[in-house]
C-alpha cells in the first residue's frame, strides 16, 4: 500500500478527498491532503515530506493540482527519491484510479503512465448536441 497525498492551492485537495470518499468510502480514509493557503510556503511541506520519505521505504504518491504551480514545483524535487512519485493535473478520474490502484501495491512507472492516459480519456467537451446525436452517444 502506498501513502497518497492530494496537494493543491486552496481547498481543492480536501474537496477532492471528500469527493473520492463519496465513491470509494473508507478506502480513501488514509489519503492525506495539503492545502496551500495565503501566507504559507510550499517549501515547508516539501521539507516535511522529504524528511519522512528519507526515513521510510513506503511509497509516497503525490497528486498536485497544476503542473508548474508553486506546489508542484516544490514537491517535484522529491521525485529524485525512489519511493516518491509526483503527478500533476489532479482530477477526479486520476484521484480515484490512484487511490484504488495503490491500495494493494506500489505504483510502477508503467502504472503511472496508464493512469495518466485513463485520466486523459475521461476528458471530453460537448457542444451543440441535438436529440439525434443522443442516440449515437
N, C-alpha and C. Protein backbone atom coordinates (compact mmCIF):
# COMPACT_ATOMS: atom_id res chain seq x y z
N UNK A 1 0.83 -1.18 0.00
CA UNK A 1 0.00 0.00 0.00
C UNK A 1 0.88 1.25 0.00
N UNK A 2 0.48 2.22 -0.78
CA UNK A 2 1.21 3.47 -0.88
C UNK A 2 0.54 4.54 -0.03
N UNK A 3 1.34 5.50 0.38
CA UNK A 3 0.83 6.68 1.05
C UNK A 3 0.43 7.66 -0.05
N UNK A 4 -0.80 8.13 -0.06
CA UNK A 4 -1.31 9.02 -1.10
C UNK A 4 -1.58 10.38 -0.49
N UNK A 5 -1.09 11.42 -1.18
CA UNK A 5 -1.29 12.81 -0.75
C UNK A 5 -1.87 13.60 -1.91
N UNK A 6 -2.98 14.30 -1.66
CA UNK A 6 -3.52 15.26 -2.62
C UNK A 6 -3.01 16.63 -2.18
N UNK A 7 -2.37 17.38 -3.09
CA UNK A 7 -1.80 18.68 -2.75
C UNK A 7 -2.31 19.73 -3.72
N UNK A 8 -2.77 20.86 -3.16
CA UNK A 8 -3.36 21.88 -4.03
C UNK A 8 -3.25 23.28 -3.44
N UNK A 9 -3.53 24.24 -4.29
CA UNK A 9 -3.74 25.62 -3.85
C UNK A 9 -5.15 25.66 -3.26
N UNK A 10 -5.30 26.28 -2.11
CA UNK A 10 -6.63 26.37 -1.50
C UNK A 10 -7.18 25.01 -1.11
N UNK A 11 -8.49 24.92 -1.03
CA UNK A 11 -9.15 23.72 -0.51
C UNK A 11 -9.44 22.63 -1.51
N UNK A 12 -8.90 22.71 -2.72
CA UNK A 12 -9.17 21.69 -3.73
C UNK A 12 -8.81 20.30 -3.25
N UNK A 13 -7.68 20.16 -2.58
CA UNK A 13 -7.24 18.82 -2.15
C UNK A 13 -8.22 18.21 -1.15
N UNK A 14 -8.74 19.00 -0.24
CA UNK A 14 -9.72 18.50 0.74
C UNK A 14 -11.02 18.14 0.03
N UNK A 15 -11.44 18.98 -0.90
CA UNK A 15 -12.65 18.69 -1.67
C UNK A 15 -12.50 17.44 -2.52
N UNK A 16 -11.30 17.25 -3.08
CA UNK A 16 -11.06 16.05 -3.89
C UNK A 16 -11.16 14.81 -3.01
N UNK A 17 -10.58 14.86 -1.83
CA UNK A 17 -10.68 13.72 -0.91
C UNK A 17 -12.14 13.45 -0.55
N UNK A 18 -12.89 14.50 -0.26
CA UNK A 18 -14.31 14.33 0.05
C UNK A 18 -15.06 13.66 -1.10
N UNK A 19 -14.79 14.11 -2.32
CA UNK A 19 -15.47 13.55 -3.49
C UNK A 19 -15.07 12.11 -3.73
N UNK A 20 -13.77 11.82 -3.61
CA UNK A 20 -13.31 10.44 -3.78
C UNK A 20 -13.95 9.54 -2.71
N UNK A 21 -14.04 10.05 -1.49
CA UNK A 21 -14.64 9.29 -0.40
C UNK A 21 -16.12 8.98 -0.65
N UNK A 22 -16.81 9.89 -1.33
CA UNK A 22 -18.22 9.64 -1.67
C UNK A 22 -18.36 8.39 -2.53
N UNK A 23 -17.36 8.12 -3.35
CA UNK A 23 -17.43 6.99 -4.28
C UNK A 23 -16.84 5.73 -3.69
N UNK A 24 -15.67 5.82 -3.03
CA UNK A 24 -15.00 4.61 -2.55
C UNK A 24 -15.08 4.44 -1.04
N UNK A 25 -15.74 5.37 -0.36
CA UNK A 25 -15.94 5.24 1.08
C UNK A 25 -14.64 5.22 1.87
N UNK A 26 -14.55 4.30 2.80
CA UNK A 26 -13.40 4.21 3.69
C UNK A 26 -12.09 3.86 3.00
N UNK A 27 -12.15 3.46 1.75
CA UNK A 27 -10.91 3.15 1.04
C UNK A 27 -10.03 4.40 0.90
N UNK A 28 -10.65 5.56 1.02
CA UNK A 28 -9.89 6.82 0.90
C UNK A 28 -9.58 7.45 2.26
N UNK A 29 -9.86 6.73 3.32
CA UNK A 29 -9.71 7.33 4.65
C UNK A 29 -8.27 7.72 4.97
N UNK A 30 -7.30 7.04 4.41
CA UNK A 30 -5.90 7.33 4.71
C UNK A 30 -5.27 8.34 3.75
N UNK A 31 -6.02 8.81 2.76
CA UNK A 31 -5.49 9.82 1.85
C UNK A 31 -5.25 11.09 2.65
N UNK A 32 -4.06 11.65 2.49
CA UNK A 32 -3.71 12.89 3.17
C UNK A 32 -3.92 14.06 2.21
N UNK A 33 -4.12 15.23 2.77
CA UNK A 33 -4.27 16.42 1.93
C UNK A 33 -3.32 17.51 2.39
N UNK A 34 -2.92 18.32 1.43
CA UNK A 34 -2.14 19.52 1.73
C UNK A 34 -2.76 20.65 0.95
N UNK A 35 -3.18 21.69 1.66
CA UNK A 35 -3.79 22.87 1.04
C UNK A 35 -2.90 24.08 1.31
N UNK A 36 -2.36 24.63 0.25
CA UNK A 36 -1.55 25.84 0.38
C UNK A 36 -2.48 27.03 0.52
N UNK A 37 -2.35 27.72 1.64
CA UNK A 37 -3.18 28.89 1.91
C UNK A 37 -2.33 30.15 1.83
N UNK A 38 -2.97 31.31 1.66
CA UNK A 38 -2.21 32.56 1.59
C UNK A 38 -1.28 32.71 2.80
N UNK A 39 -0.06 33.11 2.51
CA UNK A 39 0.93 33.31 3.56
C UNK A 39 1.77 32.07 3.86
N UNK A 40 1.37 30.92 3.31
CA UNK A 40 2.14 29.70 3.53
C UNK A 40 3.14 29.51 2.39
N UNK A 41 4.15 28.70 2.65
CA UNK A 41 5.19 28.43 1.66
C UNK A 41 5.24 26.92 1.42
N UNK A 42 5.07 26.46 0.17
CA UNK A 42 5.10 25.03 -0.10
C UNK A 42 6.44 24.38 0.21
N UNK A 43 7.49 25.17 0.34
CA UNK A 43 8.79 24.63 0.70
C UNK A 43 8.75 23.98 2.09
N UNK A 44 7.92 24.52 2.98
CA UNK A 44 7.79 23.95 4.32
C UNK A 44 7.23 22.53 4.24
N UNK A 45 6.21 22.34 3.40
CA UNK A 45 5.63 21.00 3.25
C UNK A 45 6.63 20.08 2.55
N UNK A 46 7.34 20.60 1.57
CA UNK A 46 8.39 19.83 0.89
C UNK A 46 9.39 19.29 1.91
N UNK A 47 9.87 20.15 2.79
CA UNK A 47 10.86 19.73 3.79
C UNK A 47 10.29 18.64 4.71
N UNK A 48 9.03 18.78 5.08
CA UNK A 48 8.37 17.78 5.94
C UNK A 48 8.29 16.41 5.25
N UNK A 49 7.83 16.42 4.01
CA UNK A 49 7.70 15.15 3.27
C UNK A 49 9.07 14.58 2.94
N UNK A 50 10.04 15.42 2.62
CA UNK A 50 11.40 14.97 2.33
C UNK A 50 11.96 14.18 3.52
N UNK A 51 11.83 14.73 4.69
CA UNK A 51 12.33 14.07 5.90
C UNK A 51 11.64 12.71 6.08
N UNK A 52 10.32 12.69 5.95
CA UNK A 52 9.56 11.45 6.12
C UNK A 52 9.92 10.42 5.05
N UNK A 53 10.07 10.87 3.82
CA UNK A 53 10.38 9.95 2.72
C UNK A 53 11.76 9.33 2.87
N UNK A 54 12.71 10.11 3.36
CA UNK A 54 14.07 9.59 3.55
C UNK A 54 14.13 8.57 4.68
N UNK A 55 13.23 8.69 5.64
CA UNK A 55 13.24 7.80 6.80
C UNK A 55 12.37 6.57 6.59
N UNK A 56 11.71 6.46 5.45
CA UNK A 56 10.78 5.36 5.21
C UNK A 56 11.01 4.77 3.83
N UNK A 57 10.69 3.51 3.69
CA UNK A 57 10.74 2.87 2.38
C UNK A 57 9.36 2.85 1.74
N UNK A 58 8.35 3.31 2.47
CA UNK A 58 6.99 3.35 1.97
C UNK A 58 6.91 4.25 0.74
N UNK A 59 6.17 3.81 -0.27
CA UNK A 59 5.99 4.64 -1.45
C UNK A 59 5.04 5.79 -1.11
N UNK A 60 5.41 6.97 -1.58
CA UNK A 60 4.57 8.16 -1.41
C UNK A 60 4.16 8.64 -2.79
N UNK A 61 2.85 8.71 -3.02
CA UNK A 61 2.31 9.15 -4.29
C UNK A 61 1.61 10.49 -4.04
N UNK A 62 2.06 11.52 -4.74
CA UNK A 62 1.51 12.85 -4.53
C UNK A 62 0.84 13.32 -5.82
N UNK A 63 -0.41 13.73 -5.70
CA UNK A 63 -1.14 14.32 -6.81
C UNK A 63 -1.23 15.82 -6.57
N UNK A 64 -0.63 16.60 -7.47
CA UNK A 64 -0.65 18.06 -7.38
C UNK A 64 -1.69 18.62 -8.34
N UNK A 65 -2.21 19.79 -8.00
CA UNK A 65 -3.29 20.35 -8.79
C UNK A 65 -2.85 20.83 -10.18
N UNK A 66 -1.74 21.53 -10.30
CA UNK A 66 -1.40 22.11 -11.59
C UNK A 66 0.11 22.04 -11.85
N UNK A 67 0.46 21.56 -13.02
CA UNK A 67 1.86 21.47 -13.41
C UNK A 67 2.48 22.86 -13.44
N UNK A 68 3.63 22.99 -12.80
CA UNK A 68 4.34 24.26 -12.80
C UNK A 68 3.90 25.23 -11.73
N UNK A 69 2.83 24.89 -11.00
CA UNK A 69 2.40 25.74 -9.90
C UNK A 69 3.39 25.63 -8.74
N UNK A 70 3.25 26.49 -7.77
CA UNK A 70 4.23 26.53 -6.68
C UNK A 70 4.28 25.22 -5.90
N UNK A 71 3.16 24.57 -5.73
CA UNK A 71 3.14 23.29 -5.00
C UNK A 71 3.85 22.21 -5.82
N UNK A 72 3.50 22.11 -7.08
CA UNK A 72 4.12 21.12 -7.95
C UNK A 72 5.62 21.37 -8.07
N UNK A 73 6.00 22.62 -8.21
CA UNK A 73 7.43 22.96 -8.34
C UNK A 73 8.19 22.53 -7.09
N UNK A 74 7.66 22.84 -5.92
CA UNK A 74 8.33 22.47 -4.67
C UNK A 74 8.38 20.96 -4.48
N UNK A 75 7.24 20.31 -4.64
CA UNK A 75 7.18 18.87 -4.35
C UNK A 75 7.85 18.02 -5.42
N UNK A 76 7.98 18.53 -6.64
CA UNK A 76 8.63 17.78 -7.71
C UNK A 76 10.08 17.43 -7.37
N UNK A 77 10.69 18.21 -6.51
CA UNK A 77 12.07 17.93 -6.10
C UNK A 77 12.16 16.60 -5.36
N UNK A 78 11.03 16.10 -4.86
CA UNK A 78 11.02 14.81 -4.16
C UNK A 78 11.17 13.63 -5.13
N UNK A 79 10.94 13.87 -6.40
CA UNK A 79 10.96 12.78 -7.38
C UNK A 79 12.35 12.16 -7.54
N UNK A 80 13.38 12.79 -6.99
CA UNK A 80 14.71 12.18 -7.04
C UNK A 80 14.79 10.96 -6.11
N UNK A 81 13.84 10.85 -5.19
CA UNK A 81 13.80 9.70 -4.29
C UNK A 81 13.06 8.56 -4.95
N UNK A 82 13.59 7.35 -4.83
CA UNK A 82 12.98 6.20 -5.49
C UNK A 82 11.58 5.87 -4.98
N UNK A 83 11.27 6.27 -3.76
CA UNK A 83 9.98 5.90 -3.18
C UNK A 83 8.92 7.00 -3.30
N UNK A 84 9.19 8.01 -4.15
CA UNK A 84 8.23 9.11 -4.32
C UNK A 84 7.85 9.22 -5.80
N UNK A 85 6.54 9.39 -6.05
CA UNK A 85 6.03 9.59 -7.40
C UNK A 85 5.12 10.81 -7.36
N UNK A 86 5.35 11.75 -8.27
CA UNK A 86 4.60 13.01 -8.30
C UNK A 86 3.78 13.09 -9.59
N UNK A 87 2.49 13.35 -9.45
CA UNK A 87 1.61 13.60 -10.60
C UNK A 87 1.21 15.07 -10.59
N UNK A 88 0.98 15.63 -11.74
CA UNK A 88 0.37 16.96 -11.84
C UNK A 88 -0.96 16.81 -12.58
N UNK A 89 -1.77 17.85 -12.51
CA UNK A 89 -3.05 17.82 -13.21
C UNK A 89 -4.09 16.96 -12.52
N UNK A 90 -4.09 16.97 -11.20
CA UNK A 90 -5.03 16.15 -10.43
C UNK A 90 -6.46 16.41 -10.89
N UNK A 91 -7.17 15.33 -11.17
CA UNK A 91 -8.60 15.41 -11.45
C UNK A 91 -9.26 14.19 -10.81
N UNK A 92 -10.57 14.18 -10.82
CA UNK A 92 -11.32 13.13 -10.12
C UNK A 92 -10.98 11.74 -10.64
N UNK A 93 -10.90 11.58 -11.94
CA UNK A 93 -10.59 10.27 -12.51
C UNK A 93 -9.23 9.77 -12.07
N UNK A 94 -8.24 10.65 -12.15
CA UNK A 94 -6.89 10.28 -11.73
C UNK A 94 -6.85 9.97 -10.24
N UNK A 95 -7.50 10.82 -9.44
CA UNK A 95 -7.50 10.61 -7.99
C UNK A 95 -8.13 9.27 -7.63
N UNK A 96 -9.26 8.95 -8.23
CA UNK A 96 -9.92 7.66 -7.96
C UNK A 96 -9.02 6.49 -8.35
N UNK A 97 -8.46 6.56 -9.54
CA UNK A 97 -7.61 5.47 -10.02
C UNK A 97 -6.37 5.29 -9.14
N UNK A 98 -5.75 6.37 -8.73
CA UNK A 98 -4.56 6.27 -7.88
C UNK A 98 -4.92 5.64 -6.54
N UNK A 99 -6.01 6.10 -5.95
CA UNK A 99 -6.42 5.54 -4.66
C UNK A 99 -6.69 4.04 -4.80
N UNK A 100 -7.43 3.65 -5.80
CA UNK A 100 -7.78 2.23 -5.98
C UNK A 100 -6.54 1.39 -6.30
N UNK A 101 -5.69 1.89 -7.16
CA UNK A 101 -4.51 1.13 -7.60
C UNK A 101 -3.48 1.00 -6.48
N UNK A 102 -3.38 2.00 -5.63
CA UNK A 102 -2.34 1.99 -4.61
C UNK A 102 -2.77 1.29 -3.32
N UNK A 103 -3.98 0.78 -3.28
CA UNK A 103 -4.45 0.10 -2.08
C UNK A 103 -3.64 -1.15 -1.75
N UNK A 104 -3.30 -1.89 -2.77
CA UNK A 104 -2.67 -3.18 -2.52
C UNK A 104 -1.29 -3.34 -3.16
N UNK A 105 -0.79 -2.27 -3.76
CA UNK A 105 0.53 -2.38 -4.40
C UNK A 105 1.16 -1.02 -4.59
N UNK A 106 2.46 -1.02 -4.79
CA UNK A 106 3.16 0.21 -5.15
C UNK A 106 2.95 0.46 -6.64
N UNK A 107 2.92 1.71 -7.01
CA UNK A 107 2.77 2.07 -8.42
C UNK A 107 4.12 2.01 -9.11
N UNK A 108 4.13 1.45 -10.28
CA UNK A 108 5.31 1.43 -11.13
C UNK A 108 5.13 2.51 -12.19
N UNK A 109 6.20 2.85 -12.88
CA UNK A 109 6.12 3.88 -13.91
C UNK A 109 5.10 3.52 -14.99
N UNK A 110 5.03 2.26 -15.38
CA UNK A 110 4.06 1.83 -16.39
C UNK A 110 2.63 2.06 -15.87
N UNK A 111 2.41 1.77 -14.59
CA UNK A 111 1.10 2.03 -13.99
C UNK A 111 0.77 3.52 -14.07
N UNK A 112 1.75 4.35 -13.73
CA UNK A 112 1.55 5.80 -13.73
C UNK A 112 1.16 6.29 -15.12
N UNK A 113 1.85 5.80 -16.13
CA UNK A 113 1.54 6.21 -17.50
C UNK A 113 0.14 5.77 -17.90
N UNK A 114 -0.26 4.57 -17.49
CA UNK A 114 -1.62 4.08 -17.77
C UNK A 114 -2.66 4.95 -17.06
N UNK A 115 -2.37 5.33 -15.82
CA UNK A 115 -3.30 6.17 -15.06
C UNK A 115 -3.47 7.53 -15.73
N UNK A 116 -2.39 8.09 -16.22
CA UNK A 116 -2.47 9.40 -16.90
C UNK A 116 -3.28 9.27 -18.19
N UNK A 117 -3.04 8.22 -18.94
CA UNK A 117 -3.81 8.02 -20.18
C UNK A 117 -5.30 7.87 -19.88
N UNK A 118 -5.64 7.12 -18.85
CA UNK A 118 -7.04 6.93 -18.47
C UNK A 118 -7.66 8.27 -18.06
N UNK A 119 -6.90 9.08 -17.32
CA UNK A 119 -7.41 10.40 -16.90
C UNK A 119 -7.66 11.28 -18.12
N UNK A 120 -6.76 11.21 -19.09
CA UNK A 120 -6.93 12.00 -20.32
C UNK A 120 -8.17 11.54 -21.09
N UNK A 121 -8.38 10.23 -21.15
CA UNK A 121 -9.52 9.69 -21.87
C UNK A 121 -10.84 10.10 -21.23
N UNK A 122 -10.81 10.41 -19.95
CA UNK A 122 -12.01 10.83 -19.25
C UNK A 122 -12.38 12.28 -19.50
N UNK A 123 -11.55 12.99 -20.25
CA UNK A 123 -11.81 14.40 -20.52
C UNK A 123 -12.42 14.55 -21.92
N UNK A 124 -13.56 15.21 -21.98
CA UNK A 124 -14.23 15.45 -23.25
C UNK A 124 -14.84 16.85 -23.23
N UNK A 125 -15.31 17.28 -24.36
CA UNK A 125 -16.09 18.50 -24.45
C UNK A 125 -17.29 18.20 -25.34
N UNK A 126 -18.43 18.72 -24.96
CA UNK A 126 -19.65 18.54 -25.76
C UNK A 126 -20.24 19.92 -26.00
N UNK A 127 -20.78 20.08 -27.20
CA UNK A 127 -21.37 21.36 -27.54
C UNK A 127 -22.31 21.17 -28.71
N UNK A 128 -23.46 21.80 -28.66
CA UNK A 128 -24.37 21.82 -29.79
C UNK A 128 -24.97 20.47 -30.15
N UNK A 129 -25.09 19.57 -29.19
CA UNK A 129 -25.69 18.27 -29.48
C UNK A 129 -27.19 18.43 -29.69
N UNK A 130 -27.71 17.69 -30.62
CA UNK A 130 -29.15 17.65 -30.82
C UNK A 130 -29.67 16.33 -30.25
N UNK A 131 -30.97 16.18 -30.18
CA UNK A 131 -31.52 14.94 -29.66
C UNK A 131 -31.16 13.75 -30.55
N UNK A 132 -30.91 13.99 -31.85
CA UNK A 132 -30.49 12.91 -32.74
C UNK A 132 -29.09 12.43 -32.36
N UNK A 133 -28.24 13.35 -31.92
CA UNK A 133 -26.90 12.98 -31.52
C UNK A 133 -26.92 12.08 -30.28
N UNK A 134 -27.92 12.25 -29.44
CA UNK A 134 -28.02 11.46 -28.21
C UNK A 134 -28.08 9.97 -28.51
N UNK A 135 -28.69 9.61 -29.64
CA UNK A 135 -28.80 8.20 -30.00
C UNK A 135 -27.44 7.56 -30.26
N UNK A 136 -26.49 8.36 -30.78
CA UNK A 136 -25.16 7.84 -31.06
C UNK A 136 -24.33 7.76 -29.79
N UNK A 137 -24.70 8.52 -28.80
CA UNK A 137 -23.96 8.59 -27.57
C UNK A 137 -24.26 7.34 -26.80
